[in-house]
Each structure stands twice: as structure tokens, then as C-alpha cells.
N, C-alpha and C. Protein backbone atom coordinates (compact mmCIF):
# COMPACT_ATOMS: atom_id res chain seq x y z
N MET A 1 31.19 -0.34 -27.60
CA MET A 1 29.23 -0.58 -28.63
C MET A 1 28.48 0.96 -28.03
N LYS A 2 27.57 0.86 -28.87
CA LYS A 2 26.27 2.08 -27.82
C LYS A 2 25.14 1.95 -27.97
N ILE A 3 24.82 1.99 -26.43
CA ILE A 3 24.09 2.33 -25.82
C ILE A 3 22.94 2.89 -26.24
N ASN A 4 21.77 2.69 -26.33
CA ASN A 4 20.91 2.79 -26.72
C ASN A 4 19.10 2.88 -25.82
N PRO A 5 19.11 4.08 -24.98
CA PRO A 5 18.44 3.68 -23.99
C PRO A 5 17.29 3.78 -24.08
N MET A 6 16.59 3.14 -25.39
CA MET A 6 15.21 3.25 -26.14
C MET A 6 15.44 1.75 -25.93
N THR A 7 16.81 0.83 -26.53
CA THR A 7 15.90 -0.68 -26.44
C THR A 7 16.09 -0.80 -25.26
N TYR A 8 16.96 -0.62 -24.78
CA TYR A 8 17.31 -0.85 -22.89
C TYR A 8 16.08 -0.80 -22.52
N TRP A 9 14.81 0.36 -22.68
CA TRP A 9 13.73 0.37 -21.60
C TRP A 9 12.29 -0.82 -22.10
N ARG A 10 12.59 -0.54 -24.02
CA ARG A 10 12.18 -1.59 -24.16
C ARG A 10 12.13 -3.71 -23.89
N VAL A 11 13.64 -3.84 -23.42
CA VAL A 11 13.99 -4.81 -23.52
C VAL A 11 13.74 -5.47 -21.38
N LEU A 12 13.59 -3.68 -20.51
CA LEU A 12 12.93 -4.13 -19.64
C LEU A 12 12.23 -4.21 -19.69
N LYS A 13 11.18 -3.56 -20.25
CA LYS A 13 10.14 -3.63 -20.01
C LYS A 13 9.51 -4.82 -20.17
N LYS A 14 9.50 -5.32 -21.01
CA LYS A 14 9.32 -7.08 -21.87
C LYS A 14 9.79 -7.26 -20.53
N ARG A 15 10.77 -7.40 -20.13
CA ARG A 15 11.06 -8.99 -18.93
C ARG A 15 10.35 -8.38 -17.89
N LEU A 16 10.15 -7.25 -17.10
CA LEU A 16 8.89 -6.87 -16.45
C LEU A 16 7.77 -7.35 -16.10
N LYS A 17 7.48 -7.80 -17.25
CA LYS A 17 6.30 -7.74 -18.36
C LYS A 17 6.06 -8.64 -17.68
N ASP A 18 7.15 -9.87 -18.42
CA ASP A 18 7.07 -11.22 -18.56
C ASP A 18 7.03 -12.12 -17.42
N GLU A 19 7.65 -11.12 -16.02
CA GLU A 19 7.70 -11.76 -15.21
C GLU A 19 6.65 -11.08 -13.96
N GLY A 20 5.30 -10.48 -14.71
CA GLY A 20 4.12 -10.14 -14.41
C GLY A 20 3.94 -8.75 -13.17
N ASN A 21 5.46 -8.39 -12.89
CA ASN A 21 5.40 -7.00 -12.98
C ASN A 21 4.89 -6.18 -13.25
N GLU A 22 3.91 -5.36 -12.50
CA GLU A 22 2.57 -4.48 -13.28
C GLU A 22 3.13 -3.08 -13.04
N ILE A 23 4.24 -2.34 -13.03
CA ILE A 23 5.01 -1.62 -12.74
C ILE A 23 5.27 -0.71 -13.99
N VAL A 24 5.05 -2.02 -14.68
CA VAL A 24 5.48 -1.09 -16.35
C VAL A 24 3.24 -1.16 -17.04
N THR A 25 2.90 -1.50 -16.18
CA THR A 25 1.70 -1.93 -17.47
C THR A 25 1.17 -0.24 -16.71
N ASN A 26 1.43 0.54 -15.59
CA ASN A 26 1.01 1.61 -15.35
C ASN A 26 1.41 2.82 -15.88
N CYS A 27 2.64 2.63 -16.55
CA CYS A 27 3.58 3.43 -16.96
C CYS A 27 3.08 3.79 -18.41
N ASN A 28 1.55 5.27 -18.60
CA ASN A 28 0.57 5.63 -19.89
C ASN A 28 1.42 6.13 -21.01
N ASP A 29 1.27 6.31 -22.21
CA ASP A 29 1.59 7.26 -22.64
C ASP A 29 0.91 8.67 -23.01
N LEU A 30 2.24 9.18 -23.29
CA LEU A 30 1.82 10.81 -23.56
C LEU A 30 2.06 11.08 -24.50
N LYS A 31 1.56 12.21 -25.42
CA LYS A 31 2.27 12.90 -27.04
C LYS A 31 3.54 13.94 -26.20
N MET A 32 4.68 13.52 -26.45
CA MET A 32 5.86 14.68 -26.34
C MET A 32 6.57 15.06 -28.02
N PRO A 33 6.72 16.45 -27.66
CA PRO A 33 7.64 17.08 -28.35
C PRO A 33 8.89 15.90 -28.87
N ALA A 34 8.74 16.01 -30.08
CA ALA A 34 11.08 14.67 -29.90
C ALA A 34 11.06 16.16 -30.63
N PRO A 35 13.03 14.83 -30.56
CA PRO A 35 13.86 15.95 -30.91
C PRO A 35 13.08 16.74 -32.96
N ASP A 36 12.78 15.20 -33.25
CA ASP A 36 12.74 16.46 -34.31
C ASP A 36 11.64 17.19 -34.79
N GLY A 37 11.90 17.44 -33.67
CA GLY A 37 9.86 18.09 -33.39
C GLY A 37 8.84 17.55 -33.89
N LYS A 38 7.93 16.97 -33.73
CA LYS A 38 7.15 15.97 -33.80
C LYS A 38 6.56 15.70 -32.85
N MET A 39 4.82 15.21 -32.56
CA MET A 39 4.74 15.42 -31.48
C MET A 39 4.80 13.36 -31.68
N ARG A 40 4.95 12.99 -30.19
CA ARG A 40 5.66 11.50 -30.42
C ARG A 40 4.56 10.95 -29.33
N LEU A 41 4.44 9.62 -29.36
CA LEU A 41 3.78 8.98 -28.01
C LEU A 41 4.83 8.29 -27.29
N THR A 42 5.35 9.14 -26.28
CA THR A 42 5.90 8.37 -24.59
C THR A 42 5.37 7.76 -23.54
N ASP A 43 5.83 6.96 -23.50
CA ASP A 43 6.15 6.67 -21.87
C ASP A 43 6.20 7.32 -20.55
N VAL A 44 5.04 7.59 -19.86
CA VAL A 44 5.33 8.47 -18.59
C VAL A 44 5.41 7.35 -17.73
N ALA A 45 5.57 7.75 -16.49
CA ALA A 45 5.06 7.15 -14.93
C ALA A 45 5.44 8.46 -13.95
N ASP A 46 4.67 8.33 -13.07
CA ASP A 46 4.75 9.50 -11.40
C ASP A 46 6.28 8.52 -10.95
N SER A 47 6.53 9.48 -10.17
CA SER A 47 7.68 9.46 -9.32
C SER A 47 7.93 7.96 -8.78
N GLU A 48 6.42 7.14 -7.68
CA GLU A 48 7.04 6.24 -7.19
C GLU A 48 6.75 5.09 -8.07
N GLN A 49 6.78 5.33 -9.67
CA GLN A 49 6.21 3.85 -9.75
C GLN A 49 7.95 3.58 -11.18
N ILE A 50 8.62 5.64 -11.08
CA ILE A 50 10.18 5.81 -11.27
C ILE A 50 10.85 5.18 -10.46
N LEU A 51 10.70 4.57 -9.50
CA LEU A 51 11.17 4.76 -8.06
C LEU A 51 11.12 2.73 -7.62
N ARG A 52 10.25 2.50 -8.48
CA ARG A 52 10.31 1.35 -8.05
C ARG A 52 10.81 1.01 -9.71
N ILE A 53 10.62 0.79 -11.19
CA ILE A 53 11.50 0.82 -12.04
C ILE A 53 12.65 0.17 -11.66
N ILE A 54 13.30 1.34 -10.58
CA ILE A 54 14.51 2.39 -10.74
C ILE A 54 14.99 0.62 -9.70
N GLN A 55 14.93 0.35 -9.35
CA GLN A 55 15.11 -0.01 -8.16
C GLN A 55 14.85 -2.14 -8.60
N SER A 56 13.28 -2.40 -9.62
CA SER A 56 14.22 -3.53 -10.15
C SER A 56 15.12 -3.53 -11.11
N ILE A 57 15.79 -2.54 -11.75
CA ILE A 57 17.24 -2.66 -12.78
C ILE A 57 18.00 -4.09 -12.09
N PRO A 58 18.19 -4.84 -12.86
CA PRO A 58 19.14 -5.71 -12.93
C PRO A 58 20.85 -5.62 -12.64
N SER A 59 21.07 -4.12 -13.03
CA SER A 59 22.60 -3.53 -13.06
C SER A 59 23.44 -3.87 -11.56
N PRO A 60 24.42 -4.13 -11.60
CA PRO A 60 25.73 -3.83 -10.88
C PRO A 60 26.23 -2.08 -10.86
N ASN A 61 25.77 -1.41 -12.19
CA ASN A 61 26.14 -0.21 -12.48
C ASN A 61 24.55 0.77 -11.99
N ALA A 62 23.47 0.53 -11.63
CA ALA A 62 22.72 0.74 -10.57
C ALA A 62 22.90 0.87 -9.24
N GLU A 63 23.46 0.12 -8.29
CA GLU A 63 23.45 -0.26 -7.23
C GLU A 63 23.91 0.82 -6.28
N PRO A 64 25.06 2.17 -6.94
CA PRO A 64 25.03 3.21 -6.07
C PRO A 64 23.61 4.44 -5.83
N PHE A 65 23.75 4.14 -7.23
CA PHE A 65 21.70 4.68 -7.24
C PHE A 65 20.71 4.24 -6.59
N LYS A 66 20.81 3.32 -6.75
CA LYS A 66 19.76 2.24 -5.12
C LYS A 66 20.29 2.99 -3.72
N GLN A 67 21.29 3.01 -3.57
CA GLN A 67 22.57 3.24 -1.90
C GLN A 67 21.92 4.88 -1.88
N TRP A 68 21.50 5.36 -3.34
CA TRP A 68 21.49 7.40 -2.11
C TRP A 68 20.04 7.10 -2.46
N LEU A 69 18.98 6.51 -3.64
CA LEU A 69 18.30 6.39 -3.63
C LEU A 69 17.37 6.19 -1.87
N ALA A 70 18.12 4.60 -0.83
CA ALA A 70 17.17 4.29 -0.15
C ALA A 70 18.25 5.44 1.08
N LYS A 71 19.45 6.31 1.03
CA LYS A 71 19.81 7.09 2.19
C LYS A 71 18.83 8.45 1.89
N VAL A 72 18.52 8.94 0.73
CA VAL A 72 17.61 10.05 0.05
C VAL A 72 16.09 9.43 0.92
N GLY A 73 16.36 8.13 0.83
CA GLY A 73 14.83 8.07 1.56
C GLY A 73 14.16 8.05 2.63
N LYS A 74 15.35 8.07 4.21
CA LYS A 74 14.92 8.44 5.03
C LYS A 74 15.04 9.73 5.58
């Protein structure tokens, strides 16, 4: 099964919004060049928002990265 990051982000964003989490509400759209050369709207966030989104990922695969972030944050 191929994992599609756009689908994962869309599902995660919906789940967070349904939970009342405002992290993704603050993600703004910015036009950026896509692989096809066209300018497409893309969700963007600052470093604080990105870190909070990473902390909210419920996958056990994210745990090593979360632990690394905690060590680096010290």
C-alpha cells in the first residue's frame, strides 16, 4: 500500500479540527511552485505550529522523532 502524504495531512487536519484543536486553523495558504511548475496553494506553518502538529500525531512511528525533539528542545 502506497502512503500518500497529502491524504494523511488531510485526514490529520480534519481529525484535529474535529477535536477542537486550533493548531491547523492557524496554517495559512501560500502559493508555491508545484512539481508541474504551476503555483498552487499550500498549507504553511511556523516552527511552533509544526512542532505542535508533530506532537499531536498519534502514530507509534512518530515516537522516536518526538523523543528526539524533546532532547533537542532541552
